[in-house]
Amino acid sequence: MDPIIVLSVVMLAVWAAGTWFDAPGWIHILLTAGVFLLTWRIVTKAAKPPASGKR
């Protein structure tokens, strides 16, 4: 699996766990960054041209 996708999922999991407790306001940056990284990586991964076979 792609490390950027793993990082974004970890960030979202930490954010979700942090919202159950009395978390400071800066923890919501993890939500913003996690969603951004996940969306960015999925879009850029889909935009790559298919790899051509070796000759």
N, C-alpha and C. Protein backbone atom coordinates (compact mmCIF):
# COMPACT_ATOMS: atom_id res chain seq x y z
N MET A 1 0.84 -1.17 0.00
CA MET A 1 0.00 0.00 0.00
C MET A 1 0.89 1.24 0.00
N ASP A 2 0.38 2.29 -0.53
CA ASP A 2 1.10 3.55 -0.65
C ASP A 2 1.32 4.17 0.74
N PRO A 3 2.54 4.62 1.04
CA PRO A 3 2.80 5.20 2.37
C PRO A 3 2.03 6.50 2.65
N ILE A 4 1.73 7.26 1.62
CA ILE A 4 0.97 8.50 1.82
C ILE A 4 -0.46 8.17 2.23
N ILE A 5 -1.03 7.14 1.64
CA ILE A 5 -2.39 6.74 2.01
C ILE A 5 -2.40 6.21 3.44
N VAL A 6 -1.38 5.44 3.80
CA VAL A 6 -1.29 4.93 5.17
C VAL A 6 -1.16 6.09 6.16
N LEU A 7 -0.32 7.06 5.84
CA LEU A 7 -0.15 8.23 6.71
C LEU A 7 -1.45 8.99 6.88
N SER A 8 -2.19 9.18 5.79
CA SER A 8 -3.45 9.92 5.89
C SER A 8 -4.48 9.15 6.72
N VAL A 9 -4.51 7.85 6.60
CA VAL A 9 -5.46 7.05 7.40
C VAL A 9 -5.07 7.10 8.88
N VAL A 10 -3.76 7.07 9.16
CA VAL A 10 -3.30 7.20 10.55
C VAL A 10 -3.68 8.57 11.12
N MET A 11 -3.50 9.60 10.33
CA MET A 11 -3.87 10.95 10.78
C MET A 11 -5.35 11.03 11.09
N LEU A 12 -6.17 10.43 10.23
CA LEU A 12 -7.62 10.45 10.47
C LEU A 12 -7.99 9.62 11.70
N ALA A 13 -7.28 8.53 11.93
CA ALA A 13 -7.55 7.71 13.12
C ALA A 13 -7.16 8.45 14.40
N VAL A 14 -6.03 9.16 14.38
CA VAL A 14 -5.62 9.94 15.55
C VAL A 14 -6.61 11.08 15.80
N TRP A 15 -7.07 11.71 14.73
CA TRP A 15 -8.07 12.76 14.88
C TRP A 15 -9.36 12.20 15.50
N ALA A 16 -9.81 11.05 14.98
CA ALA A 16 -11.04 10.45 15.48
C ALA A 16 -10.90 10.07 16.96
N ALA A 17 -9.76 9.52 17.33
CA ALA A 17 -9.54 9.18 18.74
C ALA A 17 -9.45 10.44 19.60
N GLY A 18 -8.86 11.49 19.06
CA GLY A 18 -8.71 12.72 19.80
C GLY A 18 -10.02 13.44 20.05
N THR A 19 -10.98 13.26 19.19
CA THR A 19 -12.26 13.95 19.38
C THR A 19 -13.09 13.32 20.50
N TRP A 20 -12.76 12.11 20.93
CA TRP A 20 -13.48 11.47 22.03
C TRP A 20 -13.09 12.07 23.37
N PHE A 21 -11.91 12.70 23.41
CA PHE A 21 -11.42 13.30 24.65
C PHE A 21 -11.51 14.82 24.54
N ASP A 22 -11.13 15.50 25.56
CA ASP A 22 -11.14 16.96 25.55
C ASP A 22 -9.89 17.44 24.81
N ALA A 23 -9.94 17.40 23.51
CA ALA A 23 -8.79 17.72 22.68
C ALA A 23 -8.72 19.21 22.39
N PRO A 24 -7.50 19.73 22.21
CA PRO A 24 -7.38 21.14 21.84
C PRO A 24 -7.83 21.36 20.40
N GLY A 25 -8.01 22.60 20.04
CA GLY A 25 -8.52 22.93 18.71
C GLY A 25 -7.60 22.58 17.58
N TRP A 26 -6.28 22.51 17.86
CA TRP A 26 -5.34 22.24 16.78
C TRP A 26 -5.44 20.80 16.26
N ILE A 27 -6.10 19.93 16.99
CA ILE A 27 -6.19 18.53 16.53
C ILE A 27 -7.02 18.42 15.25
N HIS A 28 -7.85 19.42 14.98
CA HIS A 28 -8.66 19.39 13.77
C HIS A 28 -7.82 19.63 12.52
N ILE A 29 -6.59 20.07 12.70
CA ILE A 29 -5.66 20.16 11.56
C ILE A 29 -5.40 18.77 11.00
N LEU A 30 -5.42 17.76 11.87
CA LEU A 30 -5.22 16.39 11.40
C LEU A 30 -6.34 15.96 10.46
N LEU A 31 -7.56 16.40 10.74
CA LEU A 31 -8.67 16.08 9.84
C LEU A 31 -8.45 16.72 8.48
N THR A 32 -8.11 18.00 8.48
CA THR A 32 -7.89 18.71 7.23
C THR A 32 -6.75 18.10 6.43
N ALA A 33 -5.62 17.86 7.10
CA ALA A 33 -4.45 17.31 6.42
C ALA A 33 -4.69 15.88 5.95
N GLY A 34 -5.35 15.08 6.77
CA GLY A 34 -5.62 13.69 6.40
C GLY A 34 -6.53 13.57 5.19
N VAL A 35 -7.59 14.35 5.17
CA VAL A 35 -8.51 14.32 4.02
C VAL A 35 -7.81 14.86 2.77
N PHE A 36 -7.02 15.93 2.94
CA PHE A 36 -6.29 16.49 1.80
C PHE A 36 -5.32 15.46 1.21
N LEU A 37 -4.51 14.83 2.07
CA LEU A 37 -3.53 13.86 1.56
C LEU A 37 -4.20 12.67 0.89
N LEU A 38 -5.27 12.18 1.49
CA LEU A 38 -5.96 11.03 0.91
C LEU A 38 -6.56 11.38 -0.44
N THR A 39 -7.22 12.52 -0.53
CA THR A 39 -7.82 12.94 -1.81
C THR A 39 -6.74 13.21 -2.85
N TRP A 40 -5.69 13.92 -2.45
CA TRP A 40 -4.60 14.24 -3.38
C TRP A 40 -3.94 12.98 -3.93
N ARG A 41 -3.69 12.02 -3.07
CA ARG A 41 -3.00 10.80 -3.52
C ARG A 41 -3.89 9.96 -4.43
N ILE A 42 -5.16 9.87 -4.12
CA ILE A 42 -6.06 9.10 -4.98
C ILE A 42 -6.18 9.75 -6.35
N VAL A 43 -6.29 11.07 -6.39
CA VAL A 43 -6.43 11.77 -7.67
C VAL A 43 -5.16 11.67 -8.49
N THR A 44 -3.99 11.87 -7.86
CA THR A 44 -2.74 11.81 -8.62
C THR A 44 -2.40 10.38 -9.04
N LYS A 45 -2.81 9.41 -8.25
CA LYS A 45 -2.55 8.01 -8.62
C LYS A 45 -3.40 7.62 -9.83
N ALA A 46 -4.62 8.14 -9.92
CA ALA A 46 -5.50 7.83 -11.03
C ALA A 46 -5.09 8.58 -12.30
N ALA A 47 -4.40 9.71 -12.15
CA ALA A 47 -4.03 10.53 -13.31
C ALA A 47 -2.78 10.05 -14.01
N LYS A 48 -2.05 9.12 -13.41
CA LYS A 48 -0.83 8.62 -14.04
C LYS A 48 -1.18 7.79 -15.26
N PRO A 49 -0.40 7.92 -16.35
CA PRO A 49 -0.64 7.09 -17.52
C PRO A 49 -0.27 5.64 -17.20
N PRO A 50 -0.94 4.71 -17.83
CA PRO A 50 -0.63 3.30 -17.57
C PRO A 50 0.80 2.97 -18.03
N ALA A 51 1.44 2.11 -17.28
CA ALA A 51 2.82 1.71 -17.62
C ALA A 51 2.79 0.81 -18.85
N SER A 52 3.69 1.09 -19.76
CA SER A 52 3.76 0.25 -20.96
C SER A 52 4.61 -0.98 -20.68
N GLY A 53 4.34 -2.02 -21.39
CA GLY A 53 5.09 -3.27 -21.21
C GLY A 53 6.49 -3.17 -21.77
N LYS A 54 7.37 -4.01 -21.24
CA LYS A 54 8.76 -4.02 -21.76
C LYS A 54 8.81 -4.66 -23.12
N ARG A 55 9.75 -4.19 -23.92
CA ARG A 55 9.92 -4.76 -25.25
C ARG A 55 11.17 -5.58 -25.31
